Amino acid sequence: MSTIVIVGAGPGISAAVARRFAQGGAKVGLIARSEKTVKAVADGITGEVLPLTADSTDEVGLRAALDRVVAEYGVPDVVVYNAAIIQPDAVGDLTAQQHLDAWAVNVVGAITTAAHVVPAMAERGSGSFLITGGMPETKPEYVSLSMGKAGVRTLVTLLDQQYGAAGVHAASVTVGGAVAPGTAHDPDDIAEHYWRLHHQPRAHWEHEVSA
């Protein structure tokens, strides 16, 4: 049985991805900052699920939560990083610290997660590290988010360069608008992209898809 762990679990994309992989027989590890949030996602899953709380900006706490998943289920087959701060801000709107806080969630948490789990995936010779991207075009009214999504897009490239040959498929799902059921960005439809990316044969790996 395969295992997926989702960092930044919550309603919308994370919940839909968790349900999709659980339906496919995967064990699901969920990590979110709020116990209430992660429990709500876990309650919507039929199957084996491990809900944990950790802030993606707390390196010690995040690594400990990832270790709990590995101890319970083994090295995951799929890791999804879905944490982000989505807020409107133009150049000059945020203090330096506010930009650092946004970057910590949008990018650094993804780096911490990758550093903690991808080497073990590479040693095994397989695995998928998938990031929820966005901002297909940068927007001056969303500076911190535009910078963050550019950062995780670059991280995908770097992970592929370092670990692709060892069998780790790094990719991002770039979501081009607000996520809501029944719209062009329906979370259940978006979840299919994560499922498809994980099951792509190596010769046909994609590293960014639009949803």
N, C-alpha and C. Protein backbone atom coordinates (compact mmCIF):
# COMPACT_ATOMS: atom_id res chain seq x y z
N MET A 1 0.85 -1.19 0.00
CA MET A 1 0.00 0.00 0.00
C MET A 1 0.88 1.24 0.00
N SER A 2 0.58 2.20 -0.86
CA SER A 2 1.38 3.42 -0.96
C SER A 2 0.98 4.40 0.13
N THR A 3 1.82 5.43 0.30
CA THR A 3 1.60 6.45 1.32
C THR A 3 1.77 7.83 0.70
N ILE A 4 0.88 8.75 1.07
CA ILE A 4 1.00 10.15 0.70
C ILE A 4 1.01 10.99 1.96
N VAL A 5 1.84 12.02 2.00
CA VAL A 5 1.81 12.98 3.10
C VAL A 5 1.60 14.36 2.49
N ILE A 6 0.68 15.11 3.09
CA ILE A 6 0.34 16.44 2.60
C ILE A 6 0.69 17.45 3.69
N VAL A 7 1.57 18.38 3.35
CA VAL A 7 1.96 19.44 4.27
C VAL A 7 1.16 20.69 3.90
N GLY A 8 0.51 21.27 4.89
CA GLY A 8 -0.39 22.39 4.61
C GLY A 8 -1.78 21.90 4.30
N ALA A 9 -2.18 20.83 4.97
CA ALA A 9 -3.49 20.23 4.72
C ALA A 9 -4.60 21.17 5.16
N GLY A 10 -5.64 21.23 4.34
CA GLY A 10 -6.79 22.07 4.66
C GLY A 10 -7.90 21.79 3.68
N PRO A 11 -8.97 22.55 3.74
CA PRO A 11 -10.07 22.35 2.79
C PRO A 11 -9.63 22.74 1.39
N GLY A 12 -10.36 22.30 0.40
CA GLY A 12 -10.00 22.66 -0.97
C GLY A 12 -9.08 21.63 -1.58
N ILE A 13 -7.94 22.09 -2.11
CA ILE A 13 -7.04 21.20 -2.86
C ILE A 13 -6.53 20.06 -1.99
N SER A 14 -6.03 20.37 -0.80
CA SER A 14 -5.45 19.32 0.06
C SER A 14 -6.46 18.23 0.36
N ALA A 15 -7.66 18.62 0.74
CA ALA A 15 -8.69 17.64 1.07
C ALA A 15 -9.03 16.79 -0.14
N ALA A 16 -9.12 17.42 -1.31
CA ALA A 16 -9.45 16.68 -2.53
C ALA A 16 -8.34 15.70 -2.90
N VAL A 17 -7.09 16.14 -2.77
CA VAL A 17 -5.96 15.25 -3.07
C VAL A 17 -5.94 14.09 -2.09
N ALA A 18 -6.15 14.37 -0.82
CA ALA A 18 -6.17 13.30 0.19
C ALA A 18 -7.25 12.28 -0.12
N ARG A 19 -8.44 12.76 -0.46
CA ARG A 19 -9.53 11.82 -0.80
C ARG A 19 -9.18 11.00 -2.04
N ARG A 20 -8.60 11.65 -3.05
CA ARG A 20 -8.30 10.94 -4.30
C ARG A 20 -7.31 9.81 -4.07
N PHE A 21 -6.26 10.10 -3.30
CA PHE A 21 -5.26 9.06 -3.07
C PHE A 21 -5.78 7.99 -2.12
N ALA A 22 -6.60 8.38 -1.15
CA ALA A 22 -7.20 7.38 -0.27
C ALA A 22 -8.11 6.45 -1.05
N GLN A 23 -8.85 6.99 -2.00
CA GLN A 23 -9.70 6.17 -2.86
C GLN A 23 -8.87 5.20 -3.68
N GLY A 24 -7.64 5.60 -3.98
CA GLY A 24 -6.73 4.73 -4.73
C GLY A 24 -5.99 3.75 -3.84
N GLY A 25 -6.30 3.74 -2.55
CA GLY A 25 -5.72 2.76 -1.64
C GLY A 25 -4.55 3.25 -0.82
N ALA A 26 -4.22 4.54 -0.88
CA ALA A 26 -3.05 5.05 -0.16
C ALA A 26 -3.37 5.34 1.30
N LYS A 27 -2.37 5.14 2.14
CA LYS A 27 -2.41 5.66 3.50
C LYS A 27 -2.10 7.15 3.42
N VAL A 28 -2.74 7.94 4.28
CA VAL A 28 -2.64 9.39 4.17
C VAL A 28 -2.11 9.99 5.46
N GLY A 29 -1.00 10.74 5.35
CA GLY A 29 -0.51 11.54 6.45
C GLY A 29 -0.84 13.00 6.19
N LEU A 30 -1.42 13.67 7.16
CA LEU A 30 -1.83 15.06 7.01
C LEU A 30 -1.11 15.91 8.05
N ILE A 31 -0.53 17.02 7.60
CA ILE A 31 0.15 17.95 8.51
C ILE A 31 -0.42 19.34 8.28
N ALA A 32 -0.92 19.94 9.34
CA ALA A 32 -1.46 21.30 9.26
C ALA A 32 -1.14 22.03 10.55
N ARG A 33 -1.19 23.34 10.49
CA ARG A 33 -0.87 24.16 11.66
C ARG A 33 -1.94 24.06 12.73
N SER A 34 -3.20 23.89 12.31
CA SER A 34 -4.33 23.88 13.23
C SER A 34 -4.87 22.47 13.43
N GLU A 35 -5.05 22.08 14.70
CA GLU A 35 -5.62 20.76 14.97
C GLU A 35 -7.05 20.65 14.44
N LYS A 36 -7.81 21.74 14.56
CA LYS A 36 -9.18 21.75 14.05
C LYS A 36 -9.21 21.53 12.54
N THR A 37 -8.30 22.19 11.83
CA THR A 37 -8.26 22.07 10.37
C THR A 37 -7.88 20.67 9.94
N VAL A 38 -6.83 20.13 10.53
CA VAL A 38 -6.36 18.81 10.09
C VAL A 38 -7.38 17.73 10.45
N LYS A 39 -8.07 17.90 11.56
CA LYS A 39 -9.11 16.92 11.94
C LYS A 39 -10.26 16.95 10.95
N ALA A 40 -10.64 18.16 10.50
CA ALA A 40 -11.74 18.26 9.54
C ALA A 40 -11.40 17.56 8.23
N VAL A 41 -10.16 17.71 7.79
CA VAL A 41 -9.74 17.01 6.57
C VAL A 41 -9.73 15.51 6.80
N ALA A 42 -9.18 15.08 7.92
CA ALA A 42 -9.09 13.64 8.22
C ALA A 42 -10.46 13.00 8.30
N ASP A 43 -11.43 13.72 8.86
CA ASP A 43 -12.78 13.17 9.00
C ASP A 43 -13.45 12.93 7.65
N GLY A 44 -12.97 13.59 6.61
CA GLY A 44 -13.55 13.41 5.29
C GLY A 44 -12.92 12.30 4.47
N ILE A 45 -12.00 11.56 5.08
CA ILE A 45 -11.27 10.52 4.36
C ILE A 45 -11.72 9.15 4.82
N THR A 46 -11.98 8.28 3.87
CA THR A 46 -12.28 6.89 4.16
C THR A 46 -11.01 6.08 3.95
N GLY A 47 -10.47 5.53 5.01
CA GLY A 47 -9.23 4.78 4.89
C GLY A 47 -8.31 5.12 6.04
N GLU A 48 -7.06 4.72 5.93
CA GLU A 48 -6.08 4.90 6.99
C GLU A 48 -5.49 6.31 6.89
N VAL A 49 -5.60 7.09 7.97
CA VAL A 49 -5.15 8.48 7.93
C VAL A 49 -4.50 8.84 9.26
N LEU A 50 -3.43 9.62 9.19
CA LEU A 50 -2.69 10.06 10.37
C LEU A 50 -2.66 11.59 10.36
N PRO A 51 -3.50 12.25 11.17
CA PRO A 51 -3.50 13.72 11.23
C PRO A 51 -2.50 14.22 12.27
N LEU A 52 -1.68 15.19 11.87
CA LEU A 52 -0.66 15.74 12.76
C LEU A 52 -0.67 17.26 12.66
N THR A 53 -0.24 17.92 13.72
CA THR A 53 -0.15 19.37 13.69
C THR A 53 1.30 19.82 13.74
N ALA A 54 1.63 20.74 12.85
CA ALA A 54 2.95 21.37 12.81
C ALA A 54 2.86 22.58 11.90
N ASP A 55 3.58 23.62 12.24
CA ASP A 55 3.65 24.81 11.42
C ASP A 55 4.76 24.61 10.39
N SER A 56 4.48 24.92 9.14
CA SER A 56 5.47 24.71 8.09
C SER A 56 6.70 25.59 8.26
N THR A 57 6.59 26.64 9.07
CA THR A 57 7.75 27.51 9.31
C THR A 57 8.56 27.08 10.52
N ASP A 58 8.08 26.09 11.26
CA ASP A 58 8.78 25.56 12.44
C ASP A 58 9.56 24.33 11.99
N GLU A 59 10.83 24.52 11.72
CA GLU A 59 11.63 23.43 11.16
C GLU A 59 11.64 22.20 12.06
N VAL A 60 11.83 22.41 13.35
CA VAL A 60 11.88 21.27 14.28
C VAL A 60 10.54 20.55 14.31
N GLY A 61 9.46 21.31 14.42
CA GLY A 61 8.14 20.70 14.48
C GLY A 61 7.76 20.01 13.19
N LEU A 62 8.08 20.62 12.05
CA LEU A 62 7.74 20.01 10.76
C LEU A 62 8.52 18.72 10.56
N ARG A 63 9.81 18.75 10.86
CA ARG A 63 10.61 17.53 10.70
C ARG A 63 10.11 16.41 11.63
N ALA A 64 9.71 16.79 12.84
CA ALA A 64 9.19 15.78 13.78
C ALA A 64 7.90 15.17 13.26
N ALA A 65 7.03 15.99 12.67
CA ALA A 65 5.78 15.46 12.12
C ALA A 65 6.06 14.53 10.95
N LEU A 66 6.99 14.91 10.09
CA LEU A 66 7.35 14.04 8.97
C LEU A 66 7.93 12.72 9.48
N ASP A 67 8.72 12.79 10.53
CA ASP A 67 9.27 11.55 11.12
C ASP A 67 8.16 10.66 11.66
N ARG A 68 7.11 11.27 12.22
CA ARG A 68 5.98 10.48 12.72
C ARG A 68 5.31 9.70 11.57
N VAL A 69 5.15 10.37 10.44
CA VAL A 69 4.55 9.69 9.29
C VAL A 69 5.44 8.53 8.84
N VAL A 70 6.74 8.79 8.75
CA VAL A 70 7.66 7.73 8.31
C VAL A 70 7.65 6.57 9.30
N ALA A 71 7.63 6.87 10.59
CA ALA A 71 7.61 5.81 11.60
C ALA A 71 6.35 4.97 11.50
N GLU A 72 5.24 5.60 11.16
CA GLU A 72 3.95 4.91 11.09
C GLU A 72 3.75 4.17 9.77
N TYR A 73 4.13 4.82 8.68
CA TYR A 73 3.79 4.30 7.35
C TYR A 73 5.00 3.98 6.47
N GLY A 74 6.19 4.38 6.89
CA GLY A 74 7.36 4.22 6.04
C GLY A 74 7.60 5.46 5.20
N VAL A 75 8.69 5.44 4.43
CA VAL A 75 9.01 6.58 3.56
C VAL A 75 7.87 6.78 2.58
N PRO A 76 7.31 7.98 2.51
CA PRO A 76 6.14 8.17 1.64
C PRO A 76 6.46 8.01 0.17
N ASP A 77 5.46 7.59 -0.56
CA ASP A 77 5.59 7.49 -2.02
C ASP A 77 5.33 8.84 -2.68
N VAL A 78 4.48 9.63 -2.03
CA VAL A 78 4.11 10.95 -2.55
C VAL A 78 4.15 11.96 -1.41
N VAL A 79 4.75 13.11 -1.67
CA VAL A 79 4.70 14.22 -0.74
C VAL A 79 4.13 15.42 -1.48
N VAL A 80 3.13 16.05 -0.90
CA VAL A 80 2.52 17.24 -1.49
C VAL A 80 2.75 18.41 -0.53
N TYR A 81 3.33 19.49 -1.06
CA TYR A 81 3.48 20.71 -0.26
C TYR A 81 2.44 21.71 -0.74
N ASN A 82 1.52 22.05 0.16
CA ASN A 82 0.37 22.87 -0.22
C ASN A 82 0.20 24.09 0.68
N ALA A 83 1.23 24.43 1.47
CA ALA A 83 1.13 25.58 2.36
C ALA A 83 1.46 26.86 1.60
N ALA A 84 0.70 27.91 1.86
CA ALA A 84 0.96 29.19 1.21
C ALA A 84 0.23 30.30 1.95
N ILE A 85 0.81 31.50 1.89
CA ILE A 85 0.12 32.70 2.35
C ILE A 85 -0.40 33.43 1.11
N ILE A 86 -1.70 33.49 0.99
CA ILE A 86 -2.33 34.12 -0.16
C ILE A 86 -2.92 35.45 0.30
N GLN A 87 -2.29 36.52 -0.12
CA GLN A 87 -2.71 37.84 0.32
C GLN A 87 -2.37 38.87 -0.75
N PRO A 88 -3.22 39.89 -0.93
CA PRO A 88 -2.87 40.95 -1.86
C PRO A 88 -1.85 41.90 -1.23
N ASP A 89 -0.77 42.19 -1.94
CA ASP A 89 0.21 43.16 -1.47
C ASP A 89 1.03 43.65 -2.66
N ALA A 90 1.23 44.95 -2.71
CA ALA A 90 2.04 45.56 -3.76
C ALA A 90 3.42 45.90 -3.21
N VAL A 91 4.34 46.26 -4.10
CA VAL A 91 5.66 46.68 -3.66
C VAL A 91 5.52 47.86 -2.69
N GLY A 92 6.09 47.70 -1.52
CA GLY A 92 6.02 48.75 -0.52
C GLY A 92 4.95 48.55 0.53
N ASP A 93 4.05 47.59 0.31
CA ASP A 93 2.98 47.36 1.27
C ASP A 93 3.44 46.62 2.52
N LEU A 94 4.40 45.72 2.36
CA LEU A 94 4.83 44.88 3.47
C LEU A 94 6.16 45.35 4.02
N THR A 95 6.36 45.10 5.30
CA THR A 95 7.67 45.31 5.90
C THR A 95 8.59 44.17 5.46
N ALA A 96 9.88 44.36 5.71
CA ALA A 96 10.83 43.29 5.39
C ALA A 96 10.48 42.01 6.13
N GLN A 97 10.08 42.14 7.40
CA GLN A 97 9.74 40.96 8.19
C GLN A 97 8.51 40.26 7.63
N GLN A 98 7.53 41.03 7.17
CA GLN A 98 6.33 40.42 6.58
C GLN A 98 6.67 39.66 5.31
N HIS A 99 7.59 40.19 4.53
CA HIS A 99 8.03 39.45 3.34
C HIS A 99 8.74 38.16 3.75
N LEU A 100 9.57 38.24 4.77
CA LEU A 100 10.27 37.04 5.24
C LEU A 100 9.28 36.00 5.77
N ASP A 101 8.25 36.46 6.46
CA ASP A 101 7.24 35.54 6.99
C ASP A 101 6.51 34.84 5.85
N ALA A 102 6.15 35.57 4.80
CA ALA A 102 5.48 34.97 3.66
C ALA A 102 6.40 33.99 2.95
N TRP A 103 7.66 34.37 2.76
CA TRP A 103 8.63 33.50 2.09
C TRP A 103 8.84 32.21 2.88
N ALA A 104 8.82 32.33 4.20
CA ALA A 104 9.02 31.15 5.05
C ALA A 104 7.95 30.10 4.79
N VAL A 105 6.70 30.53 4.63
CA VAL A 105 5.60 29.60 4.36
C VAL A 105 5.63 29.15 2.90
N ASN A 106 5.73 30.10 2.00
CA ASN A 106 5.56 29.81 0.57
C ASN A 106 6.70 28.99 -0.02
N VAL A 107 7.91 29.15 0.53
CA VAL A 107 9.08 28.51 -0.09
C VAL A 107 9.91 27.69 0.91
N VAL A 108 10.28 28.31 2.04
CA VAL A 108 11.23 27.63 2.93
C VAL A 108 10.65 26.35 3.51
N GLY A 109 9.36 26.36 3.83
CA GLY A 109 8.74 25.13 4.32
C GLY A 109 8.82 24.00 3.31
N ALA A 110 8.70 24.36 2.03
CA ALA A 110 8.84 23.34 0.98
C ALA A 110 10.26 22.81 0.90
N ILE A 111 11.24 23.70 1.10
CA ILE A 111 12.64 23.26 1.10
C ILE A 111 12.90 22.33 2.28
N THR A 112 12.40 22.70 3.46
CA THR A 112 12.57 21.85 4.64
C THR A 112 11.96 20.47 4.42
N THR A 113 10.74 20.46 3.87
CA THR A 113 10.07 19.19 3.61
C THR A 113 10.87 18.34 2.63
N ALA A 114 11.31 18.95 1.54
CA ALA A 114 12.08 18.21 0.54
C ALA A 114 13.38 17.68 1.13
N ALA A 115 14.07 18.53 1.88
CA ALA A 115 15.35 18.11 2.46
C ALA A 115 15.18 16.92 3.40
N HIS A 116 14.00 16.84 4.02
CA HIS A 116 13.79 15.79 5.03
C HIS A 116 13.36 14.46 4.43
N VAL A 117 12.65 14.49 3.29
CA VAL A 117 12.09 13.23 2.77
C VAL A 117 12.65 12.80 1.43
N VAL A 118 13.08 13.75 0.59
CA VAL A 118 13.49 13.37 -0.77
C VAL A 118 14.73 12.49 -0.79
N PRO A 119 15.76 12.72 0.04
CA PRO A 119 16.91 11.81 0.00
C PRO A 119 16.54 10.35 0.23
N ALA A 120 15.59 10.08 1.14
CA ALA A 120 15.17 8.71 1.39
C ALA A 120 14.40 8.15 0.19
N MET A 121 13.62 9.00 -0.48
CA MET A 121 12.95 8.57 -1.70
C MET A 121 13.99 8.19 -2.75
N ALA A 122 15.02 9.02 -2.89
CA ALA A 122 16.06 8.77 -3.88
C ALA A 122 16.81 7.47 -3.57
N GLU A 123 17.06 7.24 -2.28
CA GLU A 123 17.74 6.00 -1.89
C GLU A 123 16.90 4.79 -2.25
N ARG A 124 15.59 4.91 -2.09
CA ARG A 124 14.69 3.83 -2.47
C ARG A 124 14.58 3.69 -3.98
N GLY A 125 14.71 4.83 -4.69
CA GLY A 125 14.67 4.80 -6.15
C GLY A 125 13.34 5.20 -6.74
N SER A 126 12.46 5.76 -5.91
CA SER A 126 11.15 6.17 -6.44
C SER A 126 10.49 7.14 -5.48
N GLY A 127 9.56 7.92 -6.04
CA GLY A 127 8.78 8.84 -5.22
C GLY A 127 8.41 10.08 -6.02
N SER A 128 7.38 10.78 -5.55
CA SER A 128 6.94 12.02 -6.18
C SER A 128 6.91 13.13 -5.14
N PHE A 129 7.50 14.26 -5.47
CA PHE A 129 7.44 15.45 -4.62
C PHE A 129 6.70 16.51 -5.42
N LEU A 130 5.48 16.80 -5.01
CA LEU A 130 4.58 17.65 -5.78
C LEU A 130 4.23 18.91 -4.97
N ILE A 131 4.31 20.05 -5.63
CA ILE A 131 4.07 21.33 -4.98
C ILE A 131 2.89 22.01 -5.67
N THR A 132 2.02 22.60 -4.85
CA THR A 132 0.95 23.41 -5.41
C THR A 132 1.52 24.76 -5.82
N GLY A 133 1.54 25.00 -7.11
CA GLY A 133 2.04 26.26 -7.63
C GLY A 133 0.89 27.21 -7.92
N GLY A 134 1.20 28.29 -8.56
CA GLY A 134 0.19 29.28 -8.91
C GLY A 134 0.84 30.44 -9.62
N MET A 135 0.09 31.50 -9.80
CA MET A 135 0.60 32.70 -10.43
C MET A 135 1.30 32.38 -11.76
N PRO A 136 0.58 31.82 -12.74
CA PRO A 136 1.21 31.57 -14.04
C PRO A 136 1.76 32.84 -14.66
N GLU A 137 1.17 33.98 -14.29
CA GLU A 137 1.72 35.28 -14.65
C GLU A 137 1.85 36.11 -13.37
N THR A 138 2.99 36.76 -13.19
CA THR A 138 3.18 37.57 -12.01
C THR A 138 2.22 38.76 -12.04
N LYS A 139 1.78 39.16 -10.84
CA LYS A 139 0.82 40.26 -10.74
C LYS A 139 1.33 41.27 -9.71
N PRO A 140 1.38 42.55 -10.08
CA PRO A 140 1.92 43.55 -9.16
C PRO A 140 1.10 43.74 -7.89
N GLU A 141 -0.16 43.28 -7.91
CA GLU A 141 -0.97 43.39 -6.70
C GLU A 141 -0.82 42.16 -5.80
N TYR A 142 0.00 41.19 -6.21
CA TYR A 142 0.27 39.99 -5.41
C TYR A 142 1.78 39.73 -5.40
N VAL A 143 2.52 40.64 -4.83
CA VAL A 143 3.97 40.56 -4.89
C VAL A 143 4.51 39.34 -4.13
N SER A 144 4.13 39.20 -2.86
CA SER A 144 4.71 38.10 -2.06
C SER A 144 4.32 36.75 -2.62
N LEU A 145 3.09 36.61 -3.11
CA LEU A 145 2.67 35.33 -3.67
C LEU A 145 3.36 35.07 -5.01
N SER A 146 3.49 36.10 -5.84
CA SER A 146 4.20 35.94 -7.11
C SER A 146 5.64 35.49 -6.88
N MET A 147 6.30 36.12 -5.91
CA MET A 147 7.68 35.75 -5.60
C MET A 147 7.74 34.32 -5.05
N GLY A 148 6.77 33.98 -4.19
CA GLY A 148 6.76 32.65 -3.61
C GLY A 148 6.55 31.56 -4.63
N LYS A 149 5.61 31.76 -5.55
CA LYS A 149 5.35 30.74 -6.55
C LYS A 149 6.50 30.62 -7.54
N ALA A 150 7.19 31.73 -7.81
CA ALA A 150 8.40 31.63 -8.63
C ALA A 150 9.46 30.82 -7.89
N GLY A 151 9.51 30.99 -6.57
CA GLY A 151 10.48 30.24 -5.78
C GLY A 151 10.25 28.74 -5.80
N VAL A 152 9.00 28.31 -5.64
CA VAL A 152 8.75 26.87 -5.64
C VAL A 152 8.88 26.28 -7.04
N ARG A 153 8.63 27.08 -8.07
CA ARG A 153 8.86 26.61 -9.44
C ARG A 153 10.35 26.32 -9.65
N THR A 154 11.18 27.21 -9.11
CA THR A 154 12.63 26.99 -9.19
C THR A 154 13.04 25.79 -8.36
N LEU A 155 12.42 25.61 -7.19
CA LEU A 155 12.74 24.46 -6.34
C LEU A 155 12.47 23.15 -7.08
N VAL A 156 11.37 23.08 -7.81
CA VAL A 156 11.07 21.87 -8.58
C VAL A 156 12.21 21.57 -9.56
N THR A 157 12.68 22.59 -10.24
CA THR A 157 13.79 22.39 -11.19
C THR A 157 15.03 21.90 -10.48
N LEU A 158 15.35 22.49 -9.35
CA LEU A 158 16.54 22.09 -8.59
C LEU A 158 16.42 20.65 -8.08
N LEU A 159 15.25 20.27 -7.59
CA LEU A 159 15.06 18.90 -7.12
C LEU A 159 15.19 17.90 -8.25
N ASP A 160 14.65 18.26 -9.41
CA ASP A 160 14.78 17.36 -10.55
C ASP A 160 16.25 17.21 -10.95
N GLN A 161 16.98 18.31 -10.93
CA GLN A 161 18.40 18.23 -11.29
C GLN A 161 19.19 17.36 -10.33
N GLN A 162 18.83 17.44 -9.04
CA GLN A 162 19.59 16.70 -8.04
C GLN A 162 19.12 15.26 -7.85
N TYR A 163 17.80 15.03 -7.98
CA TYR A 163 17.27 13.72 -7.61
C TYR A 163 16.49 13.01 -8.72
N GLY A 164 16.27 13.68 -9.84
CA GLY A 164 15.50 13.05 -10.90
C GLY A 164 16.12 11.75 -11.39
N ALA A 165 17.43 11.74 -11.55
CA ALA A 165 18.10 10.54 -12.05
C ALA A 165 17.97 9.37 -11.08
N ALA A 166 17.72 9.68 -9.81
CA ALA A 166 17.56 8.63 -8.80
C ALA A 166 16.12 8.14 -8.70
N GLY A 167 15.22 8.71 -9.53
CA GLY A 167 13.85 8.21 -9.56
C GLY A 167 12.82 9.06 -8.86
N VAL A 168 13.19 10.28 -8.41
CA VAL A 168 12.23 11.15 -7.74
C VAL A 168 11.64 12.13 -8.75
N HIS A 169 10.33 12.09 -8.87
CA HIS A 169 9.62 12.96 -9.82
C HIS A 169 9.19 14.23 -9.08
N ALA A 170 9.83 15.34 -9.38
CA ALA A 170 9.47 16.64 -8.81
C ALA A 170 8.63 17.39 -9.82
N ALA A 171 7.52 17.95 -9.35
CA ALA A 171 6.61 18.66 -10.26
C ALA A 171 5.75 19.63 -9.47
N SER A 172 5.20 20.61 -10.19
CA SER A 172 4.25 21.54 -9.56
C SER A 172 2.95 21.54 -10.35
N VAL A 173 1.87 21.75 -9.63
CA VAL A 173 0.55 21.92 -10.23
C VAL A 173 0.22 23.41 -10.10
N THR A 174 0.24 24.11 -11.21
CA THR A 174 0.04 25.55 -11.21
C THR A 174 -1.44 25.86 -11.34
N VAL A 175 -2.00 26.38 -10.28
CA VAL A 175 -3.43 26.69 -10.23
C VAL A 175 -3.61 28.16 -10.63
N GLY A 176 -4.40 28.38 -11.67
CA GLY A 176 -4.46 29.71 -12.26
C GLY A 176 -5.57 30.60 -11.76
N GLY A 177 -6.25 30.24 -10.68
CA GLY A 177 -7.34 31.08 -10.19
C GLY A 177 -7.89 30.57 -8.88
N ALA A 178 -8.95 31.21 -8.41
CA ALA A 178 -9.55 30.82 -7.14
C ALA A 178 -10.16 29.42 -7.22
N VAL A 179 -9.92 28.63 -6.20
CA VAL A 179 -10.37 27.24 -6.17
C VAL A 179 -11.76 27.17 -5.52
N ALA A 180 -12.70 26.55 -6.23
CA ALA A 180 -14.05 26.38 -5.69
C ALA A 180 -14.75 25.28 -6.46
N PRO A 181 -15.57 24.47 -5.79
CA PRO A 181 -16.32 23.41 -6.48
C PRO A 181 -17.20 23.99 -7.59
N GLY A 182 -17.26 23.26 -8.68
CA GLY A 182 -18.14 23.66 -9.78
C GLY A 182 -17.60 24.75 -10.67
N THR A 183 -16.34 25.16 -10.45
CA THR A 183 -15.73 26.19 -11.28
C THR A 183 -14.66 25.56 -12.16
N ALA A 184 -13.98 26.42 -12.92
CA ALA A 184 -12.87 25.95 -13.75
C ALA A 184 -11.72 25.42 -12.92
N HIS A 185 -11.71 25.78 -11.63
CA HIS A 185 -10.66 25.30 -10.73
C HIS A 185 -11.29 24.49 -9.59
N ASP A 186 -12.06 23.50 -9.98
CA ASP A 186 -12.71 22.61 -9.02
C ASP A 186 -11.64 21.76 -8.33
N PRO A 187 -11.64 21.68 -6.99
CA PRO A 187 -10.58 20.94 -6.30
C PRO A 187 -10.51 19.47 -6.67
N ASP A 188 -11.65 18.84 -6.94
CA ASP A 188 -11.62 17.43 -7.33
C ASP A 188 -10.94 17.25 -8.70
N ASP A 189 -11.17 18.19 -9.60
CA ASP A 189 -10.50 18.13 -10.90
C ASP A 189 -9.00 18.38 -10.74
N ILE A 190 -8.65 19.33 -9.88
CA ILE A 190 -7.24 19.62 -9.65
C ILE A 190 -6.54 18.40 -9.04
N ALA A 191 -7.22 17.70 -8.14
CA ALA A 191 -6.62 16.52 -7.50
C ALA A 191 -6.22 15.46 -8.52
N GLU A 192 -6.95 15.38 -9.62
CA GLU A 192 -6.61 14.39 -10.65
C GLU A 192 -5.23 14.66 -11.24
N HIS A 193 -4.82 15.92 -11.28
CA HIS A 193 -3.49 16.23 -11.80
C HIS A 193 -2.40 15.65 -10.90
N TYR A 194 -2.59 15.71 -9.59
CA TYR A 194 -1.61 15.13 -8.67
C TYR A 194 -1.55 13.61 -8.85
N TRP A 195 -2.72 13.00 -8.96
CA TRP A 195 -2.78 11.55 -9.17
C TRP A 195 -2.07 11.16 -10.47
N ARG A 196 -2.33 11.92 -11.52
CA ARG A 196 -1.74 11.61 -12.82
C ARG A 196 -0.23 11.81 -12.81
N LEU A 197 0.23 12.90 -12.19
CA LEU A 197 1.67 13.15 -12.12
C LEU A 197 2.39 12.02 -11.40
N HIS A 198 1.83 11.56 -10.30
CA HIS A 198 2.49 10.50 -9.54
C HIS A 198 2.57 9.21 -10.34
N HIS A 199 1.58 8.96 -11.19
CA HIS A 199 1.56 7.69 -11.93
C HIS A 199 2.14 7.80 -13.33
N GLN A 200 2.71 8.94 -13.68
CA GLN A 200 3.33 9.05 -15.00
C GLN A 200 4.55 8.14 -15.12
N PRO A 201 4.69 7.43 -16.24
CA PRO A 201 5.93 6.69 -16.45
C PRO A 201 7.10 7.66 -16.57
N ARG A 202 8.24 7.23 -16.12
CA ARG A 202 9.40 8.12 -16.04
C ARG A 202 9.73 8.77 -17.39
N ALA A 203 9.56 8.06 -18.46
CA ALA A 203 9.89 8.60 -19.78
C ALA A 203 8.98 9.75 -20.17
N HIS A 204 7.86 9.90 -19.47
CA HIS A 204 6.88 10.94 -19.81
C HIS A 204 6.64 11.91 -18.66
N TRP A 205 7.59 12.02 -17.75
CA TRP A 205 7.44 12.93 -16.63
C TRP A 205 7.22 14.37 -17.10
N GLU A 206 6.24 15.03 -16.49
CA GLU A 206 6.07 16.47 -16.63
C GLU A 206 6.51 17.11 -15.32
N HIS A 207 6.98 18.33 -15.41
CA HIS A 207 7.46 19.01 -14.21
C HIS A 207 6.61 20.21 -13.82
N GLU A 208 5.68 20.58 -14.68
CA GLU A 208 4.69 21.61 -14.32
C GLU A 208 3.45 21.39 -15.17
N VAL A 209 2.31 21.35 -14.53
CA VAL A 209 1.04 21.26 -15.24
C VAL A 209 0.14 22.38 -14.75
N SER A 210 -0.76 22.83 -15.60
CA SER A 210 -1.68 23.88 -15.25
C SER A 210 -3.05 23.30 -14.91
N ALA A 211 -3.68 23.84 -13.87
CA ALA A 211 -4.97 23.34 -13.43
C ALA A 211 -5.92 24.49 -13.21
